[in-house]
Amino acid sequence: IPEQDRSIEELSRSVQRQHQLGVTIGDELDYHNQLLDETDQVADRTGSHLEFARKKLDDFRRKARKSRSCYLTLVLILLLMIVISLLKYL
């Protein structure tokens, strides 16, 4: 009987250690899940900022293309006027 008592005590200590290990692992998992959630939120915010910046850049490109076209048209008109005025003197 004393041997059975020792075996039961050892088994009880082993179960307690396993329980404590399970609790510790559970706490670590909760902590890492929290970190993952925070990282996911930061990634979402960063993605939103990047999308906003991309849209602004696209708008800028569109406006730059339009203004380039206007400048090019003005330059061509000026060149045409110069050519016409030169042809008048010839």
C-alpha atoms as a PDB file:
ATOM      1  CA  ILE A   1       0.000   0.000   0.000  1.00  0.00           C
ATOM      2  CA  PRO A   2       2.794   2.530   0.733  1.00  0.00           C
ATOM      3  CA  GLU A   3       4.168   1.808  -2.723  1.00  0.00           C
ATOM      4  CA  GLN A   4       0.762   2.531  -4.272  1.00  0.00           C
ATOM      5  CA  ASP A   5       0.558   5.736  -2.234  1.00  0.00           C
ATOM      6  CA  ARG A   6       3.953   6.814  -3.609  1.00  0.00           C
ATOM      7  CA  SER A   7       2.865   5.970  -7.136  1.00  0.00           C
ATOM      8  CA  ILE A   8      -0.341   7.957  -6.681  1.00  0.00           C
ATOM      9  CA  GLU A   9       1.627  10.909  -5.264  1.00  0.00           C
ATOM     10  CA  GLU A  10       4.039  10.791  -8.215  1.00  0.00           C
ATOM     11  CA  LEU A  11       1.113  10.599 -10.608  1.00  0.00           C
ATOM     12  CA  SER A  12      -0.545  13.517  -8.819  1.00  0.00           C
ATOM     13  CA  ARG A  13       2.638  15.629  -9.072  1.00  0.00           C
ATOM     14  CA  SER A  14       2.965  14.712 -12.730  1.00  0.00           C
ATOM     15  CA  VAL A  15      -0.642  15.715 -13.402  1.00  0.00           C
ATOM     16  CA  GLN A  16      -0.091  19.001 -11.518  1.00  0.00           C
ATOM     17  CA  ARG A  17       3.028  19.716 -13.605  1.00  0.00           C
ATOM     18  CA  GLN A  18       1.118  18.922 -16.796  1.00  0.00           C
ATOM     19  CA  HIS A  19      -1.709  21.197 -15.667  1.00  0.00           C
ATOM     20  CA  GLN A  20       0.710  24.046 -14.895  1.00  0.00           C
ATOM     21  CA  LEU A  21       2.458  23.505 -18.223  1.00  0.00           C
ATOM     22  CA  GLY A  22      -0.908  23.611 -20.012  1.00  0.00           C
ATOM     23  CA  VAL A  23      -1.841  26.845 -18.218  1.00  0.00           C
ATOM     24  CA  THR A  24       1.531  28.392 -19.108  1.00  0.00           C
ATOM     25  CA  ILE A  25       1.180  27.360 -22.757  1.00  0.00           C
ATOM     26  CA  GLY A  26      -2.370  28.755 -22.795  1.00  0.00           C
ATOM     27  CA  ASP A  27      -1.125  32.080 -21.403  1.00  0.00           C
ATOM     28  CA  GLU A  28       1.621  32.206 -24.035  1.00  0.00           C
ATOM     29  CA  LEU A  29      -0.887  31.464 -26.785  1.00  0.00           C
ATOM     30  CA  ASP A  30      -3.173  34.242 -25.535  1.00  0.00           C
ATOM     31  CA  TYR A  31      -0.241  36.667 -25.486  1.00  0.00           C
ATOM     32  CA  HIS A  32       0.875  35.705 -28.994  1.00  0.00           C
ATOM     33  CA  ASN A  33      -2.692  35.938 -30.301  1.00  0.00           C
ATOM     34  CA  GLN A  34      -2.868  39.454 -28.873  1.00  0.00           C
ATOM     35  CA  LEU A  35       0.420  40.324 -30.602  1.00  0.00           C
ATOM     36  CA  LEU A  36      -0.872  38.903 -33.882  1.00  0.00           C
ATOM     37  CA  ASP A  37      -4.089  40.920 -33.576  1.00  0.00           C
ATOM     38  CA  GLU A  38      -2.104  44.111 -32.946  1.00  0.00           C
ATOM     39  CA  THR A  39       0.187  43.344 -35.889  1.00  0.00           C
ATOM     40  CA  ASP A  40      -2.845  42.723 -38.091  1.00  0.00           C
ATOM     41  CA  GLN A  41      -4.334  46.082 -37.074  1.00  0.00           C
ATOM     42  CA  VAL A  42      -1.063  47.872 -37.833  1.00  0.00           C
ATOM     43  CA  ALA A  43      -0.848  46.121 -41.206  1.00  0.00           C
ATOM     44  CA  ASP A  44      -4.434  47.155 -42.015  1.00  0.00           C
ATOM     45  CA  ARG A  45      -3.715  50.789 -41.119  1.00  0.00           C
ATOM     46  CA  THR A  46      -0.514  50.732 -43.147  1.00  0.00           C
ATOM     47  CA  GLY A  47      -2.373  49.232 -46.099  1.00  0.00           C
ATOM     48  CA  SER A  48      -4.974  51.990 -45.867  1.00  0.00           C
ATOM     49  CA  HIS A  49      -2.257  54.637 -45.786  1.00  0.00           C
ATOM     50  CA  LEU A  50      -0.550  53.076 -48.798  1.00  0.00           C
ATOM     51  CA  GLU A  51      -3.821  52.952 -50.722  1.00  0.00           C
ATOM     52  CA  PHE A  52      -4.461  56.634 -49.927  1.00  0.00           C
ATOM     53  CA  ALA A  53      -0.924  57.552 -51.037  1.00  0.00           C
ATOM     54  CA  ARG A  54      -1.316  55.527 -54.245  1.00  0.00           C
ATOM     55  CA  LYS A  55      -4.550  57.348 -55.093  1.00  0.00           C
ATOM     56  CA  LYS A  56      -2.895  60.711 -54.459  1.00  0.00           C
ATOM     57  CA  LEU A  57       0.019  59.704 -56.696  1.00  0.00           C
ATOM     58  CA  ASP A  58      -2.382  58.613 -59.453  1.00  0.00           C
ATOM     59  CA  ASP A  59      -4.188  61.967 -59.210  1.00  0.00           C
ATOM     60  CA  PHE A  60      -0.869  63.783 -59.407  1.00  0.00           C
ATOM     61  CA  ARG A  61       0.174  61.792 -62.484  1.00  0.00           C
ATOM     62  CA  ARG A  62      -3.122  62.551 -64.211  1.00  0.00           C
ATOM     63  CA  LYS A  63      -2.817  66.257 -63.478  1.00  0.00           C
ATOM     64  CA  ALA A  64       0.821  66.286 -64.576  1.00  0.00           C
ATOM     65  CA  ARG A  65      -0.099  64.624 -67.877  1.00  0.00           C
ATOM     66  CA  LYS A  66      -2.854  67.163 -68.497  1.00  0.00           C
ATOM     67  CA  SER A  67      -0.609  70.118 -67.703  1.00  0.00           C
ATOM     68  CA  ARG A  68       2.146  68.658 -69.893  1.00  0.00           C
ATOM     69  CA  SER A  69      -0.323  68.441 -72.746  1.00  0.00           C
ATOM     70  CA  CYS A  70      -1.333  72.075 -72.210  1.00  0.00           C
ATOM     71  CA  TYR A  71       2.284  73.230 -72.160  1.00  0.00           C
ATOM     72  CA  LEU A  72       3.075  71.214 -75.258  1.00  0.00           C
ATOM     73  CA  THR A  73       0.065  72.700 -77.047  1.00  0.00           C
ATOM     74  CA  LEU A  74       1.160  76.224 -76.093  1.00  0.00           C
ATOM     75  CA  VAL A  75       4.706  75.584 -77.290  1.00  0.00           C
ATOM     76  CA  LEU A  76       3.431  74.190 -80.593  1.00  0.00           C
ATOM     77  CA  ILE A  77       1.151  77.213 -81.091  1.00  0.00           C
ATOM     78  CA  LEU A  78       4.063  79.549 -80.381  1.00  0.00           C
ATOM     79  CA  LEU A  79       6.262  77.661 -82.831  1.00  0.00           C
ATOM     80  CA  LEU A  80       3.518  77.798 -85.436  1.00  0.00           C
ATOM     81  CA  MET A  81       3.171  81.553 -84.923  1.00  0.00           C
ATOM     82  CA  ILE A  82       6.930  81.997 -85.271  1.00  0.00           C
ATOM     83  CA  VAL A  83       7.003  79.926 -88.462  1.00  0.00           C
ATOM     84  CA  ILE A  84       4.057  81.882 -89.905  1.00  0.00           C
ATOM     85  CA  SER A  85       5.677  85.215 -89.057  1.00  0.00           C
ATOM     86  CA  LEU A  86       8.967  84.064 -90.592  1.00  0.00           C
ATOM     87  CA  LEU A  87       7.174  82.935 -93.745  1.00  0.00           C
ATOM     88  CA  LYS A  88       5.567  86.379 -94.067  1.00  0.00           C
ATOM     89  CA  TYR A  89       8.973  88.024 -94.199  1.00  0.00           C
ATOM     90  CA  LEU A  90      10.305  85.661 -96.834  1.00  0.00           C
END
